[in-house]
Amino acid sequence: MRGYKNFESDPHPGDLRHLVEIGYTENQINENGYPDPRDVVVCRVWAATVDAGNQHYRAADVMNAEAVINFTIRYRKDIKPGMWVRFRGDKWNISTLGEYSFKQRYLGLKASISKGVSG
């Protein structure tokens, strides 16, 4: 995955201007015995966003596009890798967490989304 950025300098509080939802997907078993995915929202927070780039790759003979965004939120202990961020209607998968200067004031989330593209 591209777009690795060090979470070094604290962001300006005015940069946290995008309202996002952070949550996880829980699989429950329905009455027929099949998994029934259900989204659980942990929190709605204000976030700063930085486009960290994108890349195209071929997997299973299908061309895919992966985009990466770095989100910055106020520090929370309940956010874990594997959760998702809902931003502008899309669910971005959190892969990496980073703390700014280890002060527990801000938390950096590296999230990606993959989509199949034709061509």
Protein backbone atom coordinates (compact mmCIF):
# COMPACT_ATOMS: atom_id res chain seq x y z
CA MET A 1 0.00 0.00 0.00
CA ARG A 2 1.27 3.43 -0.90
CA GLY A 3 0.98 6.71 0.93
CA TYR A 4 3.01 6.11 4.06
CA LYS A 5 3.42 9.34 5.95
CA ASN A 6 4.98 9.98 9.32
CA PHE A 7 2.61 11.48 11.85
CA GLU A 8 5.08 14.05 13.19
CA SER A 9 3.72 17.60 13.52
CA ASP A 10 0.37 18.32 15.14
CA PRO A 11 -2.35 19.39 12.71
CA HIS A 12 -4.08 22.75 13.04
CA PRO A 13 -7.45 22.31 14.80
CA GLY A 14 -9.16 24.14 11.91
CA ASP A 15 -8.14 21.29 9.59
CA LEU A 16 -10.54 18.91 11.36
CA ARG A 17 -13.51 19.93 9.19
CA HIS A 18 -14.87 16.67 7.75
CA LEU A 19 -17.50 14.82 9.78
CA VAL A 20 -16.83 11.07 9.47
CA GLU A 21 -18.17 7.90 11.09
CA ILE A 22 -15.85 5.22 12.43
CA GLY A 23 -17.09 1.71 13.05
CA TYR A 24 -16.78 -1.99 12.35
CA THR A 25 -18.80 -4.69 10.61
CA GLU A 26 -20.27 -7.39 12.81
CA ASN A 27 -21.46 -10.70 11.36
CA GLN A 28 -24.54 -12.14 13.00
CA ILE A 29 -26.11 -15.45 12.02
CA ASN A 30 -29.64 -15.12 10.64
CA GLU A 31 -32.47 -17.66 11.08
CA ASN A 32 -31.25 -19.65 8.05
CA GLY A 33 -27.73 -20.00 9.42
CA TYR A 34 -26.07 -17.53 7.05
CA PRO A 35 -23.92 -14.61 8.18
CA ASP A 36 -25.75 -11.29 8.16
CA PRO A 37 -23.28 -8.37 8.18
CA ARG A 38 -24.30 -5.36 10.26
CA ASP A 39 -22.41 -2.07 10.56
CA VAL A 40 -21.81 -0.80 14.09
CA VAL A 41 -20.88 2.88 14.36
CA VAL A 42 -18.45 3.51 17.22
CA CYS A 43 -18.27 7.29 16.89
CA ARG A 44 -18.84 10.32 14.69
CA VAL A 45 -15.85 12.66 14.78
CA TRP A 46 -14.36 15.62 12.95
CA ALA A 47 -11.34 14.69 10.85
CA ALA A 48 -8.67 16.22 8.66
CA THR A 49 -8.01 14.41 5.39
CA VAL A 50 -4.91 14.21 3.20
CA ASP A 51 -4.85 12.32 -0.09
CA ALA A 52 -1.92 9.91 0.15
CA GLY A 53 -2.04 8.72 -3.45
CA ASN A 54 -3.36 5.76 -5.37
CA GLN A 55 -2.10 2.85 -7.37
CA HIS A 56 -3.36 0.40 -9.95
CA TYR A 57 -2.60 -3.29 -9.68
CA ARG A 58 -3.74 -6.53 -11.27
CA ALA A 59 -5.07 -9.32 -9.06
CA ALA A 60 -6.79 -12.46 -10.34
CA ASP A 61 -6.60 -11.02 -13.86
CA VAL A 62 -8.73 -8.01 -12.88
CA MET A 63 -7.42 -4.46 -12.84
CA ASN A 64 -7.95 -2.82 -9.44
CA ALA A 65 -7.46 0.71 -8.18
CA GLU A 66 -6.49 1.40 -4.58
CA ALA A 67 -6.75 4.88 -3.10
CA VAL A 68 -5.22 5.85 0.25
CA ILE A 69 -6.27 8.70 2.55
CA ASN A 70 -4.67 9.78 5.81
CA PHE A 71 -7.32 10.83 8.33
CA THR A 72 -6.45 12.76 11.49
CA ILE A 73 -8.84 12.81 14.44
CA ARG A 74 -8.65 13.71 18.11
CA TYR A 75 -7.08 10.88 20.08
CA ARG A 76 -9.34 7.96 21.00
CA LYS A 77 -8.37 4.64 22.57
CA ASP A 78 -11.24 2.65 21.03
CA ILE A 79 -10.08 2.88 17.38
CA LYS A 80 -8.30 -0.23 16.05
CA PRO A 81 -6.89 -1.36 12.69
CA GLY A 82 -9.48 -3.33 10.74
CA MET A 83 -12.25 -0.85 11.48
CA TRP A 84 -13.62 1.43 8.75
CA VAL A 85 -14.14 5.16 8.21
CA ARG A 86 -17.24 6.29 6.33
CA PHE A 87 -16.24 9.37 4.34
CA ARG A 88 -18.40 10.86 1.58
CA GLY A 89 -20.53 7.72 1.40
CA ASP A 90 -17.63 5.24 1.01
CA LYS A 91 -16.21 2.89 3.63
CA TRP A 92 -12.42 3.18 3.90
CA ASN A 93 -10.61 0.31 5.66
CA ILE A 94 -8.20 1.40 8.41
CA SER A 95 -4.86 -0.37 8.02
CA THR A 96 -2.49 1.63 10.22
CA LEU A 97 -2.75 3.90 13.23
CA GLY A 98 -0.18 6.58 14.04
CA GLU A 99 0.16 8.89 16.97
CA TYR A 100 1.43 12.45 16.62
CA SER A 101 4.59 12.83 18.78
CA PHE A 102 3.15 10.29 21.28
CA LYS A 103 1.22 13.03 23.10
CA GLN A 104 -2.20 11.34 22.88
CA ARG A 105 -3.75 14.48 21.38
CA TYR A 106 -4.25 13.40 17.76
CA LEU A 107 -4.54 10.02 16.06
CA GLY A 108 -3.60 9.38 12.45
CA LEU A 109 -5.56 6.76 10.51
CA LYS A 110 -4.25 5.38 7.24
CA ALA A 111 -7.22 4.04 5.30
CA SER A 112 -7.61 2.59 1.83
CA ILE A 113 -10.37 1.61 -0.55
CA SER A 114 -10.03 -0.82 -3.45
CA LYS A 115 -12.31 -0.92 -6.45
CA GLY A 116 -12.24 -2.96 -9.62
CA VAL A 117 -11.84 -0.91 -12.78
CA SER A 118 -12.31 -1.86 -16.40
CA GLY A 119 -9.62 -1.49 -18.99
